[in-house]
N, C-alpha and C. Protein backbone atom coordinates (compact mmCIF):
# COMPACT_ATOMS: atom_id res chain seq x y z
N MET A 1 48.24 44.18 28.82
CA MET A 1 49.00 45.36 28.59
C MET A 1 49.53 45.97 29.94
N SER A 2 50.78 46.22 30.08
CA SER A 2 51.24 46.86 31.29
C SER A 2 51.52 48.34 31.02
N VAL A 3 51.55 49.16 32.04
CA VAL A 3 51.83 50.55 31.96
C VAL A 3 52.80 50.82 33.00
N THR A 4 53.93 51.47 32.69
CA THR A 4 54.97 51.85 33.61
C THR A 4 54.97 53.35 33.71
N SER A 5 54.84 53.81 35.02
CA SER A 5 54.85 55.22 35.26
C SER A 5 56.18 55.62 35.74
N LYS A 6 56.71 56.89 35.41
CA LYS A 6 58.03 57.27 35.77
C LYS A 6 58.00 58.61 36.50
N ALA A 7 58.92 58.66 37.50
CA ALA A 7 59.14 59.90 38.24
C ALA A 7 60.69 59.89 38.50
N ARG A 8 61.26 61.05 38.71
CA ARG A 8 62.68 61.17 38.91
C ARG A 8 62.86 62.20 40.10
N THR A 9 63.87 61.90 40.87
CA THR A 9 64.25 62.84 41.97
C THR A 9 65.81 63.20 41.73
N ALA A 10 65.98 64.53 41.78
CA ALA A 10 67.36 65.02 41.76
C ALA A 10 67.62 65.54 43.27
N TRP A 11 68.68 65.03 43.87
CA TRP A 11 68.94 65.39 45.23
C TRP A 11 70.45 65.96 45.33
N GLN A 12 70.57 66.89 46.12
CA GLN A 12 71.83 67.54 46.40
C GLN A 12 72.08 67.55 47.89
N GLY A 13 73.25 67.10 48.38
CA GLY A 13 73.68 67.26 49.73
C GLY A 13 73.28 66.07 50.55
N SER A 14 73.49 66.15 51.93
CA SER A 14 73.20 65.15 52.85
C SER A 14 71.70 65.11 53.15
N LEU A 15 71.27 64.15 53.87
CA LEU A 15 69.92 63.93 54.17
C LEU A 15 69.35 65.17 54.94
N LEU A 16 70.05 65.55 55.97
CA LEU A 16 69.53 66.60 56.85
C LEU A 16 69.65 67.98 56.29
N GLU A 17 70.79 68.24 55.54
CA GLU A 17 71.00 69.64 54.98
C GLU A 17 70.64 69.75 53.56
N GLY A 18 70.47 68.62 52.79
CA GLY A 18 70.22 68.57 51.44
C GLY A 18 68.79 68.83 51.12
N ALA A 19 68.55 68.92 49.78
CA ALA A 19 67.16 69.11 49.26
C ALA A 19 67.15 68.51 47.79
N GLY A 20 65.98 68.39 47.34
CA GLY A 20 65.85 67.87 45.94
C GLY A 20 64.52 68.36 45.26
N THR A 21 64.36 67.78 44.16
CA THR A 21 63.15 67.93 43.36
C THR A 21 62.63 66.60 42.88
N VAL A 22 61.39 66.45 42.88
CA VAL A 22 60.78 65.20 42.26
C VAL A 22 59.97 65.68 41.09
N SER A 23 60.15 64.99 39.95
CA SER A 23 59.49 65.35 38.74
C SER A 23 58.59 64.18 38.28
N PHE A 24 57.45 64.52 37.83
CA PHE A 24 56.54 63.45 37.28
C PHE A 24 56.84 63.33 35.81
N GLU A 25 57.61 62.34 35.36
CA GLU A 25 58.06 62.25 34.03
C GLU A 25 57.02 61.69 33.09
N SER A 26 56.11 60.77 33.55
CA SER A 26 55.10 60.17 32.70
C SER A 26 54.17 61.25 32.22
N SER A 27 53.67 62.12 33.26
CA SER A 27 52.60 63.01 32.81
C SER A 27 53.13 64.35 32.49
N GLY A 28 54.33 64.63 33.00
CA GLY A 28 54.89 66.01 32.88
C GLY A 28 54.13 67.11 33.60
N ILE A 29 53.36 66.69 34.66
CA ILE A 29 52.57 67.72 35.27
C ILE A 29 53.34 68.63 36.20
N GLY A 30 54.59 68.37 36.54
CA GLY A 30 55.34 69.28 37.33
C GLY A 30 56.58 68.63 38.03
N THR A 31 57.25 69.67 38.64
CA THR A 31 58.41 69.31 39.49
C THR A 31 58.13 70.03 40.87
N PHE A 32 58.46 69.24 41.93
CA PHE A 32 58.09 69.70 43.19
C PHE A 32 59.34 69.48 44.18
N ASP A 33 59.53 70.43 45.12
CA ASP A 33 60.58 70.43 46.03
C ASP A 33 60.33 69.30 47.07
N VAL A 34 61.42 68.65 47.55
CA VAL A 34 61.39 67.74 48.67
C VAL A 34 62.62 67.98 49.51
N ASN A 35 62.44 67.78 50.87
CA ASN A 35 63.56 67.84 51.77
C ASN A 35 63.13 67.16 53.07
N TRP A 36 64.21 66.85 53.89
CA TRP A 36 64.06 66.04 55.08
C TRP A 36 63.24 66.88 56.12
N LYS A 37 63.46 68.24 56.22
CA LYS A 37 62.72 69.03 57.21
C LYS A 37 61.25 68.92 56.98
N ALA A 38 60.77 68.99 55.70
CA ALA A 38 59.31 68.82 55.47
C ALA A 38 58.82 67.45 55.79
N ARG A 39 59.64 66.39 55.53
CA ARG A 39 59.28 65.08 55.80
C ARG A 39 59.18 64.74 57.31
N SER A 40 60.08 65.29 58.07
CA SER A 40 60.11 65.00 59.51
C SER A 40 59.37 66.06 60.38
N GLU A 41 59.08 67.24 59.90
CA GLU A 41 58.43 68.27 60.63
C GLU A 41 57.17 68.74 60.08
N GLY A 42 56.94 68.47 58.74
CA GLY A 42 55.69 68.96 58.06
C GLY A 42 55.96 70.20 57.40
N SER A 43 55.20 70.51 56.35
CA SER A 43 55.35 71.73 55.56
C SER A 43 54.10 71.93 54.69
N ASP A 44 53.73 73.14 54.46
CA ASP A 44 52.72 73.48 53.52
C ASP A 44 53.17 74.08 52.23
N ALA A 45 54.53 73.88 51.98
CA ALA A 45 55.05 74.37 50.72
C ALA A 45 55.94 73.47 50.00
N VAL A 46 56.32 72.28 50.76
CA VAL A 46 57.32 71.35 50.18
C VAL A 46 56.57 69.99 50.27
N THR A 47 56.65 69.18 49.19
CA THR A 47 56.05 67.86 49.27
C THR A 47 56.85 66.82 49.97
N THR A 48 56.36 65.67 50.24
CA THR A 48 57.16 64.54 50.87
C THR A 48 56.70 63.24 50.19
N PRO A 49 57.60 62.19 50.30
CA PRO A 49 57.17 60.89 49.75
C PRO A 49 55.89 60.48 50.19
N GLU A 50 55.53 60.78 51.57
CA GLU A 50 54.29 60.33 52.09
C GLU A 50 53.07 61.13 51.47
N GLU A 51 53.22 62.34 51.20
CA GLU A 51 52.13 63.05 50.45
C GLU A 51 51.88 62.43 49.11
N LEU A 52 52.99 62.01 48.42
CA LEU A 52 52.85 61.46 47.10
C LEU A 52 52.16 60.01 47.23
N ILE A 53 52.50 59.31 48.25
CA ILE A 53 51.83 58.02 48.49
C ILE A 53 50.39 58.25 48.81
N ALA A 54 50.08 59.26 49.66
CA ALA A 54 48.66 59.62 50.00
C ALA A 54 47.86 59.93 48.75
N ALA A 55 48.44 60.65 47.86
CA ALA A 55 47.81 60.99 46.55
C ALA A 55 47.54 59.71 45.74
N ALA A 56 48.47 58.91 45.68
CA ALA A 56 48.31 57.64 44.96
C ALA A 56 47.24 56.71 45.56
N HIS A 57 47.18 56.70 46.97
CA HIS A 57 46.32 55.80 47.61
C HIS A 57 44.92 56.32 47.50
N SER A 58 44.72 57.56 47.68
CA SER A 58 43.36 58.14 47.54
C SER A 58 42.75 57.96 46.11
N ALA A 59 43.55 58.15 45.10
CA ALA A 59 43.18 58.05 43.74
C ALA A 59 42.85 56.54 43.46
N CYS A 60 43.80 55.64 43.83
CA CYS A 60 43.58 54.24 43.57
C CYS A 60 42.34 53.69 44.32
N TYR A 61 42.17 54.05 45.58
CA TYR A 61 41.03 53.61 46.26
C TYR A 61 39.72 54.12 45.62
N SER A 62 39.71 55.38 45.15
CA SER A 62 38.46 55.91 44.50
C SER A 62 38.11 55.10 43.25
N MET A 63 39.22 54.71 42.52
CA MET A 63 38.93 53.92 41.31
C MET A 63 38.39 52.55 41.65
N ALA A 64 39.07 51.91 42.65
CA ALA A 64 38.60 50.55 43.02
C ALA A 64 37.20 50.56 43.62
N PHE A 65 36.84 51.55 44.41
CA PHE A 65 35.59 51.64 45.06
C PHE A 65 34.50 52.00 43.96
N SER A 66 34.78 52.88 43.07
CA SER A 66 33.85 53.25 41.96
C SER A 66 33.65 51.97 41.16
N ASN A 67 34.59 51.19 40.90
CA ASN A 67 34.41 49.96 40.09
C ASN A 67 33.57 48.92 40.88
N ALA A 68 33.84 48.75 42.12
CA ALA A 68 33.01 47.81 42.97
C ALA A 68 31.63 48.28 42.99
N LEU A 69 31.33 49.54 43.14
CA LEU A 69 30.02 50.00 43.13
C LEU A 69 29.25 49.84 41.83
N ALA A 70 29.96 50.12 40.74
CA ALA A 70 29.36 49.90 39.40
C ALA A 70 29.08 48.43 39.22
N GLN A 71 29.97 47.53 39.58
CA GLN A 71 29.74 46.17 39.42
C GLN A 71 28.64 45.62 40.23
N ASN A 72 28.28 46.33 41.31
CA ASN A 72 27.10 45.91 42.14
C ASN A 72 25.83 46.52 41.56
N GLY A 73 25.94 47.20 40.47
CA GLY A 73 24.72 47.87 39.84
C GLY A 73 24.34 49.13 40.44
N THR A 74 25.22 49.74 41.33
CA THR A 74 24.92 50.98 41.99
C THR A 74 26.12 51.94 41.83
N PRO A 75 26.36 52.49 40.66
CA PRO A 75 27.47 53.29 40.41
C PRO A 75 27.27 54.63 41.18
N PRO A 76 28.36 55.19 41.73
CA PRO A 76 28.34 56.36 42.51
C PRO A 76 28.03 57.60 41.80
N GLU A 77 27.28 58.57 42.33
CA GLU A 77 27.24 59.88 41.77
C GLU A 77 28.53 60.50 42.07
N SER A 78 29.08 60.43 43.25
CA SER A 78 30.34 61.05 43.54
C SER A 78 31.05 60.34 44.67
N LEU A 79 32.39 60.39 44.68
CA LEU A 79 33.21 59.89 45.82
C LEU A 79 34.17 61.08 46.09
N ASP A 80 34.30 61.28 47.37
CA ASP A 80 35.31 62.26 47.85
C ASP A 80 36.13 61.57 48.82
N THR A 81 37.49 61.28 48.42
CA THR A 81 38.37 60.40 49.08
C THR A 81 39.56 61.14 49.53
N SER A 82 40.02 61.00 50.79
CA SER A 82 41.33 61.52 51.11
C SER A 82 42.13 60.44 51.84
N ALA A 83 43.41 60.56 51.82
CA ALA A 83 44.31 59.63 52.47
C ALA A 83 45.30 60.48 53.30
N ARG A 84 45.61 59.93 54.51
CA ARG A 84 46.55 60.49 55.45
C ARG A 84 47.58 59.44 55.64
N VAL A 85 48.84 59.72 55.18
CA VAL A 85 49.90 58.70 55.35
C VAL A 85 50.84 59.32 56.43
N THR A 86 51.10 58.41 57.50
CA THR A 86 51.82 58.83 58.68
C THR A 86 53.32 58.35 58.49
N PHE A 87 54.26 59.23 58.76
CA PHE A 87 55.63 58.91 58.81
C PHE A 87 56.29 59.24 60.18
N VAL A 88 57.00 58.36 60.76
CA VAL A 88 57.61 58.53 62.02
C VAL A 88 59.17 58.46 61.83
N PRO A 89 59.90 59.53 61.96
CA PRO A 89 61.32 59.56 61.74
C PRO A 89 61.96 58.48 62.62
N GLY A 90 62.87 57.70 62.08
CA GLY A 90 63.48 56.60 62.75
C GLY A 90 62.72 55.25 62.57
N THR A 91 61.41 55.36 62.25
CA THR A 91 60.61 54.15 62.24
C THR A 91 60.18 53.96 60.74
N GLY A 92 59.69 55.01 60.12
CA GLY A 92 59.21 54.96 58.71
C GLY A 92 57.70 55.20 58.66
N ILE A 93 57.19 54.71 57.58
CA ILE A 93 55.75 54.86 57.27
C ILE A 93 54.97 53.90 58.14
N THR A 94 54.07 54.39 58.95
CA THR A 94 53.40 53.49 59.85
C THR A 94 51.96 53.25 59.51
N GLY A 95 51.35 54.00 58.75
CA GLY A 95 49.96 53.79 58.39
C GLY A 95 49.38 54.70 57.30
N SER A 96 48.24 54.34 56.74
CA SER A 96 47.51 55.17 55.76
C SER A 96 46.04 55.08 56.21
N HIS A 97 45.44 56.28 56.43
CA HIS A 97 44.00 56.32 56.74
C HIS A 97 43.28 56.94 55.59
N LEU A 98 42.38 56.05 55.07
CA LEU A 98 41.47 56.56 53.97
C LEU A 98 40.15 57.01 54.65
N SER A 99 39.63 58.09 54.04
CA SER A 99 38.36 58.60 54.39
C SER A 99 37.61 58.90 53.15
N VAL A 100 36.35 58.32 52.97
CA VAL A 100 35.58 58.56 51.82
C VAL A 100 34.16 58.93 52.19
N HIS A 101 33.66 59.91 51.47
CA HIS A 101 32.19 60.25 51.54
C HIS A 101 31.69 60.04 50.16
N ALA A 102 30.67 59.16 50.14
CA ALA A 102 30.13 58.79 48.90
C ALA A 102 28.62 59.08 48.72
N VAL A 103 28.19 59.45 47.52
CA VAL A 103 26.82 59.61 47.14
C VAL A 103 26.45 58.47 46.23
N VAL A 104 25.70 57.53 46.72
CA VAL A 104 25.34 56.26 45.96
C VAL A 104 23.86 56.03 46.02
N PRO A 105 23.10 56.45 45.08
CA PRO A 105 21.61 56.16 45.15
C PRO A 105 21.33 54.73 45.15
N GLY A 106 20.36 54.33 45.97
CA GLY A 106 19.87 52.90 45.84
C GLY A 106 20.71 51.90 46.61
N LEU A 107 21.66 52.29 47.48
CA LEU A 107 22.49 51.40 48.14
C LEU A 107 22.33 51.49 49.68
N ASP A 108 22.07 50.35 50.28
CA ASP A 108 21.89 50.33 51.78
C ASP A 108 23.24 50.38 52.42
N ALA A 109 23.25 50.74 53.73
CA ALA A 109 24.46 51.05 54.43
C ALA A 109 25.29 49.74 54.67
N ALA A 110 24.72 48.61 54.84
CA ALA A 110 25.41 47.41 55.08
C ALA A 110 26.17 47.02 53.79
N LYS A 111 25.60 47.10 52.66
CA LYS A 111 26.27 46.71 51.38
C LYS A 111 27.35 47.76 51.08
N PHE A 112 27.08 49.12 51.45
CA PHE A 112 27.99 50.15 51.27
C PHE A 112 29.31 49.88 51.98
N THR A 113 29.15 49.51 53.25
CA THR A 113 30.31 49.21 54.13
C THR A 113 31.10 47.96 53.56
N GLU A 114 30.37 46.97 53.17
CA GLU A 114 30.97 45.74 52.60
C GLU A 114 31.82 46.11 51.36
N LEU A 115 31.24 46.89 50.48
CA LEU A 115 31.96 47.24 49.24
C LEU A 115 33.11 48.19 49.51
N ALA A 116 33.03 49.11 50.48
CA ALA A 116 34.08 50.07 50.80
C ALA A 116 35.22 49.30 51.35
N GLU A 117 35.04 48.32 52.22
CA GLU A 117 36.08 47.52 52.79
C GLU A 117 36.74 46.66 51.76
N THR A 118 35.96 46.10 50.89
CA THR A 118 36.47 45.19 49.85
C THR A 118 37.42 46.02 48.85
N ALA A 119 36.94 47.25 48.54
CA ALA A 119 37.81 48.11 47.72
C ALA A 119 39.12 48.46 48.43
N LYS A 120 39.02 48.68 49.76
CA LYS A 120 40.21 48.97 50.46
C LYS A 120 41.16 47.81 50.39
N ALA A 121 40.69 46.55 50.50
CA ALA A 121 41.59 45.43 50.47
C ALA A 121 42.14 45.12 49.15
N ASN A 122 41.35 45.44 48.09
CA ASN A 122 41.74 45.12 46.72
C ASN A 122 42.41 46.19 45.91
N CYS A 123 42.42 47.41 46.36
CA CYS A 123 43.04 48.48 45.68
C CYS A 123 44.59 48.12 45.56
N PRO A 124 45.10 48.21 44.37
CA PRO A 124 46.52 47.87 44.13
C PRO A 124 47.54 48.68 44.99
N VAL A 125 47.28 49.91 45.34
CA VAL A 125 48.08 50.66 46.21
C VAL A 125 47.97 50.16 47.65
N SER A 126 46.85 49.72 48.08
CA SER A 126 46.66 49.11 49.40
C SER A 126 47.49 47.81 49.51
N LYS A 127 47.44 47.04 48.35
CA LYS A 127 48.27 45.78 48.40
C LYS A 127 49.72 46.11 48.41
N ALA A 128 50.15 47.16 47.72
CA ALA A 128 51.47 47.58 47.80
C ALA A 128 51.95 48.10 49.21
N LEU A 129 51.03 48.51 49.93
CA LEU A 129 51.28 49.02 51.24
C LEU A 129 50.93 47.97 52.35
N ALA A 130 50.94 46.74 51.96
CA ALA A 130 50.47 45.69 52.91
C ALA A 130 51.25 45.62 54.23
N GLY A 131 52.49 46.18 54.24
CA GLY A 131 53.30 46.14 55.48
C GLY A 131 52.91 47.26 56.50
N ILE A 132 51.90 48.02 56.23
CA ILE A 132 51.50 49.07 57.24
C ILE A 132 50.02 48.87 57.45
N GLU A 133 49.53 49.54 58.58
CA GLU A 133 48.11 49.53 58.81
C GLU A 133 47.38 50.47 58.00
N ILE A 134 46.26 49.99 57.37
CA ILE A 134 45.39 50.79 56.57
C ILE A 134 44.00 50.82 57.18
N THR A 135 43.57 51.96 57.46
CA THR A 135 42.23 52.14 58.11
C THR A 135 41.32 52.88 57.12
N LEU A 136 40.02 52.75 57.41
CA LEU A 136 39.04 53.39 56.53
C LEU A 136 37.82 53.93 57.33
N ASP A 137 37.45 55.20 56.97
CA ASP A 137 36.20 55.75 57.41
C ASP A 137 35.44 55.99 56.24
N ALA A 138 34.27 55.31 56.07
CA ALA A 138 33.43 55.52 54.87
C ALA A 138 32.05 56.00 55.30
N THR A 139 31.56 57.10 54.68
CA THR A 139 30.18 57.55 54.93
C THR A 139 29.42 57.65 53.68
N LEU A 140 28.15 57.27 53.89
CA LEU A 140 27.22 57.27 52.67
C LEU A 140 26.35 58.49 52.81
N GLY A 141 26.33 59.32 51.83
CA GLY A 141 25.55 60.57 51.84
C GLY A 141 24.31 60.52 51.07
């Protein structure tokens, strides 16, 4: 069975002066403003394509890592994952940095690192981002 997720963007105006909204159509969770200024300079009030990718990457990685840990017989108590996706105007998206802090009883550090790296490589969003550098900091708590 396949699942298709849907989002829509309505944009008005040119790249530099224009603005738009992105709507999550599959879930209906909301509509968010987007514009070039936020994308190229940063913003704490307007989202960007890179923030949306970061959200997708952190969620996907958490799912992949949780599954790998469970298949190892050491399911996590908790995973706290963040992703930072870097955009350089004129160049594009240059990288995604994952950071995860995990509480996993009964797992040694070496196996933890191995499973964390395997999850990074096999997460479907990581695979979709294969054209950029993906880095990982993983800590076992």
